[in-house]
Amino acid sequence: MTRTTQALVVGFLGAVLLRLALGDGYLRYVTSWMKWPLVATGVVLLGLTLWMLLRPAAEENGDDPDGHEGHEGHGHKVPAMTWLAILPGVIVFVASPPSLGAYLAERRADDPVAAAPDAEILPLPASDGPVDVEVAEFMWRAGVEDGATIRDRDVRLTGFVSTDENGNWYVTRIAIACCAADASASRVRVEDYDDAPERDSWVAVTGRWVEGTAPGGKSETAIEASSVEPREAPANTYQ
């Protein structure tokens, strides 16, 4: 492979990283704290591209001080693996894959539920209306002290819709620690609201915890819905 081809491949990958990191596209793949490492990596790759393109012609041809002529500049064929290396970048530019959603959540429904944090779970703040609670936090609260912190409290859960084979539907969120490869799903079954929204659509479900339901084993945390409102998907769909 010629040095020019190498430089163009490196530059293309650097441009892809910058395009993702300077917008919201990177949030489909990694957690938010990786924005600036991705920007820095993209800048380094573009800088390396310039360095490779501006190197002296003698180095391009592989000549050395003893007069031995190199062979790099003799027009070697570009290996097929080079084009495979840039294929993911082309896909991102042409048709960026969507965020993980109902498909993954429904297939990981039987995965172990994340344990509640070691710190004490405090009571919900006093409020005249519903309190916004994350889906995973709602599940933790249901499993601690018999759900004392959410019993008889109006809460609002926001997430996307997933379903199961029995016709139930859930308000769902996906969490990632580092990247989409380690994604885990949290979901709460919605009761007393049979008109299920469209799968993968985003909703805000207001209601109260169904006493006796909690994560773990065959028990599923459930909420008795008083209202379900459509929502726009956030820029960062992961928790």
Protein backbone atom coordinates (compact mmCIF):
# COMPACT_ATOMS: atom_id res chain seq x y z
CA MET A 1 0.00 0.00 0.00
CA THR A 2 1.38 3.45 -0.85
CA ARG A 3 1.91 6.00 1.87
CA THR A 4 -0.71 8.25 0.25
CA THR A 5 -3.32 5.50 0.51
CA GLN A 6 -2.36 4.86 4.12
CA ALA A 7 -2.70 8.55 4.89
CA LEU A 8 -6.13 8.78 3.26
CA VAL A 9 -7.42 5.78 5.23
CA VAL A 10 -6.12 7.23 8.51
CA GLY A 11 -7.56 10.64 7.66
CA PHE A 12 -10.95 9.16 6.80
CA LEU A 13 -11.14 7.31 10.13
CA GLY A 14 -10.13 10.51 11.96
CA ALA A 15 -12.87 12.45 10.16
CA VAL A 16 -15.44 9.82 11.12
CA LEU A 17 -14.46 10.08 14.80
CA LEU A 18 -14.70 13.87 14.75
CA ARG A 19 -18.06 13.80 12.98
CA LEU A 20 -19.46 11.47 15.63
CA ALA A 21 -17.87 13.17 18.63
CA LEU A 22 -18.75 16.76 17.69
CA GLY A 23 -22.43 15.82 17.27
CA ASP A 24 -24.62 13.40 19.19
CA GLY A 25 -23.82 10.37 17.02
CA TYR A 26 -21.22 8.95 19.39
CA LEU A 27 -23.89 8.52 22.07
CA ARG A 28 -25.27 5.56 20.11
CA TYR A 29 -22.07 3.64 20.80
CA VAL A 30 -20.34 4.90 23.95
CA THR A 31 -21.14 6.79 27.14
CA SER A 32 -21.06 10.59 27.26
CA TRP A 33 -17.73 10.95 29.10
CA MET A 34 -15.91 9.57 26.02
CA LYS A 35 -16.70 12.65 23.90
CA TRP A 36 -13.39 14.44 24.40
CA PRO A 37 -11.16 11.34 24.17
CA LEU A 38 -12.84 10.68 20.80
CA VAL A 39 -12.27 14.29 19.70
CA ALA A 40 -8.61 14.06 20.72
CA THR A 41 -8.19 10.76 18.86
CA GLY A 42 -9.76 12.22 15.71
CA VAL A 43 -7.44 15.25 15.84
CA VAL A 44 -4.38 13.01 16.31
CA LEU A 45 -5.40 10.87 13.32
CA LEU A 46 -5.86 13.92 11.11
CA GLY A 47 -2.51 15.29 12.27
CA LEU A 48 -0.89 11.96 11.46
CA THR A 49 -2.49 12.13 8.01
CA LEU A 50 -0.89 15.51 7.29
CA TRP A 51 2.47 14.29 8.55
CA MET A 52 2.32 11.24 6.27
CA LEU A 53 1.34 13.33 3.24
CA LEU A 54 4.01 15.99 3.80
CA ARG A 55 6.95 13.68 4.44
CA PRO A 56 9.90 14.23 2.06
CA ALA A 57 9.71 12.47 -1.30
CA ALA A 58 12.87 10.49 -0.54
CA GLU A 59 11.15 8.86 2.41
CA GLU A 60 8.07 8.20 0.25
CA ASN A 61 10.24 6.20 -2.16
CA GLY A 62 12.07 4.43 0.61
CA ASP A 63 15.58 5.70 -0.42
CA ASP A 64 18.32 5.62 2.17
CA PRO A 65 21.68 7.48 2.48
CA ASP A 66 23.63 4.52 1.05
CA GLY A 67 21.82 4.82 -2.25
CA HIS A 68 19.66 1.73 -1.89
CA GLU A 69 16.39 2.25 -3.65
CA GLY A 70 13.22 1.26 -1.81
CA HIS A 71 10.16 -0.34 -3.30
CA GLU A 72 7.27 1.33 -1.49
CA GLY A 73 6.62 3.86 -4.21
CA HIS A 74 6.35 1.31 -7.03
CA GLY A 75 2.56 1.25 -7.13
CA HIS A 76 1.67 -1.79 -5.06
CA LYS A 77 -1.97 -2.86 -5.25
CA VAL A 78 -4.13 -1.73 -2.33
CA PRO A 79 -5.08 -4.83 -0.27
CA ALA A 80 -8.76 -5.68 0.08
CA MET A 81 -8.43 -5.52 3.87
CA THR A 82 -7.80 -1.78 3.53
CA TRP A 83 -11.27 -1.24 2.15
CA LEU A 84 -12.77 -3.45 4.85
CA ALA A 85 -11.09 -1.20 7.44
CA ILE A 86 -12.97 1.85 6.20
CA LEU A 87 -16.31 0.06 5.69
CA PRO A 88 -17.61 0.88 9.22
CA GLY A 89 -16.85 4.55 8.63
CA VAL A 90 -18.72 4.52 5.32
CA ILE A 91 -21.74 2.96 7.04
CA VAL A 92 -21.71 5.70 9.69
CA PHE A 93 -21.66 8.42 7.02
CA VAL A 94 -24.34 6.85 4.82
CA ALA A 95 -26.75 5.21 7.30
CA SER A 96 -25.92 5.63 10.98
CA PRO A 97 -27.29 2.68 12.98
CA PRO A 98 -29.99 3.54 15.55
CA SER A 99 -29.55 3.33 19.31
CA LEU A 100 -30.20 0.04 21.06
CA GLY A 101 -33.86 -0.40 21.91
CA ALA A 102 -36.67 -2.90 22.33
CA TYR A 103 -34.99 -5.67 20.34
CA LEU A 104 -32.12 -5.90 22.82
CA ALA A 105 -34.27 -5.31 25.91
CA GLU A 106 -36.69 -8.11 25.04
CA ARG A 107 -33.85 -10.58 24.54
CA ARG A 108 -32.19 -9.70 27.82
CA ALA A 109 -35.35 -9.76 29.89
CA ASP A 110 -34.06 -12.70 31.95
CA ASP A 111 -30.63 -11.18 32.66
CA PRO A 112 -29.88 -10.53 36.35
CA VAL A 113 -31.14 -7.15 37.54
CA ALA A 114 -28.49 -4.72 38.74
CA ALA A 115 -28.31 -4.56 42.52
CA ALA A 116 -29.31 -1.44 44.40
CA PRO A 117 -26.41 0.89 45.26
CA ASP A 118 -24.68 0.41 48.62
CA ALA A 119 -25.59 3.94 49.70
CA GLU A 120 -28.84 4.46 51.59
CA ILE A 121 -31.80 5.11 49.30
CA LEU A 122 -33.41 8.31 50.56
CA PRO A 123 -37.17 9.02 50.47
CA LEU A 124 -38.51 10.75 47.39
CA PRO A 125 -38.72 14.54 47.66
CA ALA A 126 -42.03 16.05 48.74
CA SER A 127 -44.11 17.12 45.76
CA ASP A 128 -47.69 18.02 44.91
CA GLY A 129 -47.38 16.19 41.59
CA PRO A 130 -45.60 13.11 40.29
CA VAL A 131 -41.87 12.77 40.94
CA ASP A 132 -39.61 11.90 38.02
CA VAL A 133 -37.75 8.66 38.75
CA GLU A 134 -35.38 6.70 36.54
CA VAL A 135 -36.59 3.23 35.59
CA ALA A 136 -33.63 1.47 37.24
CA GLU A 137 -34.03 3.55 40.41
CA PHE A 138 -37.74 2.67 40.55
CA MET A 139 -36.79 -1.01 40.44
CA TRP A 140 -34.20 -0.55 43.19
CA ARG A 141 -36.70 1.22 45.40
CA ALA A 142 -39.26 -1.53 44.85
CA GLY A 143 -36.77 -4.11 46.09
CA VAL A 144 -35.60 -2.24 49.21
CA GLU A 145 -37.58 -2.19 52.46
CA ASP A 146 -40.63 -3.62 50.71
CA GLY A 147 -40.89 -0.57 48.49
CA ALA A 148 -41.37 1.82 51.41
CA THR A 149 -39.88 4.81 49.57
CA ILE A 150 -42.32 4.61 46.64
CA ARG A 151 -45.44 3.18 48.27
CA ASP A 152 -48.48 5.40 47.62
CA ARG A 153 -46.36 7.93 45.71
CA ASP A 154 -47.13 9.25 42.25
CA VAL A 155 -44.08 8.85 40.03
CA ARG A 156 -43.29 9.42 36.37
CA LEU A 157 -41.08 6.97 34.44
CA THR A 158 -39.70 7.94 31.04
CA GLY A 159 -38.40 5.41 28.54
CA PHE A 160 -39.14 3.47 25.38
CA VAL A 161 -41.76 0.76 24.93
CA SER A 162 -40.83 -2.92 24.84
CA THR A 163 -43.11 -5.95 24.97
CA ASP A 164 -43.16 -9.66 25.80
CA GLU A 165 -44.73 -12.77 24.35
CA ASN A 166 -47.69 -12.54 26.74
CA GLY A 167 -48.85 -9.19 25.41
CA ASN A 168 -47.53 -7.12 28.33
CA TRP A 169 -45.73 -3.87 27.64
CA TYR A 170 -42.99 -2.11 29.57
CA VAL A 171 -41.40 1.29 30.02
CA THR A 172 -37.75 0.51 29.42
CA ARG A 173 -34.28 2.05 29.60
CA ILE A 174 -30.88 0.74 28.61
CA ALA A 175 -27.75 1.51 30.61
CA ILE A 176 -24.14 1.30 29.44
CA ALA A 177 -21.00 1.46 31.58
CA CYS A 178 -18.60 2.14 28.72
CA CYS A 179 -20.02 1.19 25.34
CA ALA A 180 -23.00 -0.48 23.69
CA ALA A 181 -21.31 -3.88 24.00
CA ASP A 182 -21.93 -3.94 27.79
CA ALA A 183 -25.53 -2.68 27.59
CA SER A 184 -28.08 -3.85 30.16
CA ALA A 185 -31.83 -3.25 30.21
CA SER A 186 -34.17 -2.19 33.01
CA ARG A 187 -37.92 -2.35 32.48
CA VAL A 188 -41.12 -1.86 34.47
CA ARG A 189 -44.38 -3.52 33.45
CA VAL A 190 -47.25 -1.10 32.86
CA GLU A 191 -50.62 -2.23 34.23
CA ASP A 192 -54.18 -0.93 33.79
CA TYR A 193 -53.32 0.63 30.44
CA ASP A 194 -54.12 -1.88 27.72
CA ASP A 195 -53.72 0.43 24.73
CA ALA A 196 -49.99 -0.15 24.35
CA PRO A 197 -48.06 2.55 22.47
CA GLU A 198 -45.99 1.62 19.46
CA ARG A 199 -42.97 -0.55 20.19
CA ASP A 200 -39.74 1.49 20.54
CA SER A 201 -41.70 4.75 20.90
CA TRP A 202 -40.81 6.97 23.86
CA VAL A 203 -43.37 7.61 26.60
CA ALA A 204 -43.74 9.11 30.07
CA VAL A 205 -45.78 6.81 32.32
CA THR A 206 -47.34 8.38 35.43
CA GLY A 207 -48.72 6.14 38.15
CA ARG A 208 -48.03 4.24 41.35
CA TRP A 209 -46.00 1.19 42.23
CA VAL A 210 -47.96 -2.06 42.32
CA GLU A 211 -47.28 -3.31 45.83
CA GLY A 212 -45.66 -6.72 46.03
CA THR A 213 -43.90 -6.46 42.68
CA ALA A 214 -40.12 -6.20 42.71
CA PRO A 215 -37.16 -7.29 40.60
CA GLY A 216 -35.61 -10.71 41.07
CA GLY A 217 -36.78 -14.21 40.36
CA LYS A 218 -40.01 -14.32 38.38
CA SER A 219 -41.37 -11.16 39.99
CA GLU A 220 -41.47 -8.09 37.78
CA THR A 221 -41.63 -4.55 39.03
CA ALA A 222 -44.92 -3.01 37.87
CA ILE A 223 -46.55 0.40 37.82
CA GLU A 224 -50.30 1.07 37.77
CA ALA A 225 -50.57 3.75 35.11
CA SER A 226 -52.85 6.75 35.47
CA SER A 227 -51.59 8.39 32.27
CA VAL A 228 -49.22 7.69 29.39
CA GLU A 229 -47.88 10.56 27.31
CA PRO A 230 -45.69 10.42 24.18
CA ARG A 231 -42.19 11.84 24.39
CA GLU A 232 -39.40 12.64 21.96
CA ALA A 233 -36.39 10.38 22.27
CA PRO A 234 -33.56 12.20 24.11
CA ALA A 235 -30.21 12.84 22.45
CA ASN A 236 -28.66 10.33 24.84
CA THR A 237 -31.00 7.35 25.04
CA TYR A 238 -28.83 5.47 27.55
CA GLN A 239 -28.69 5.85 31.30
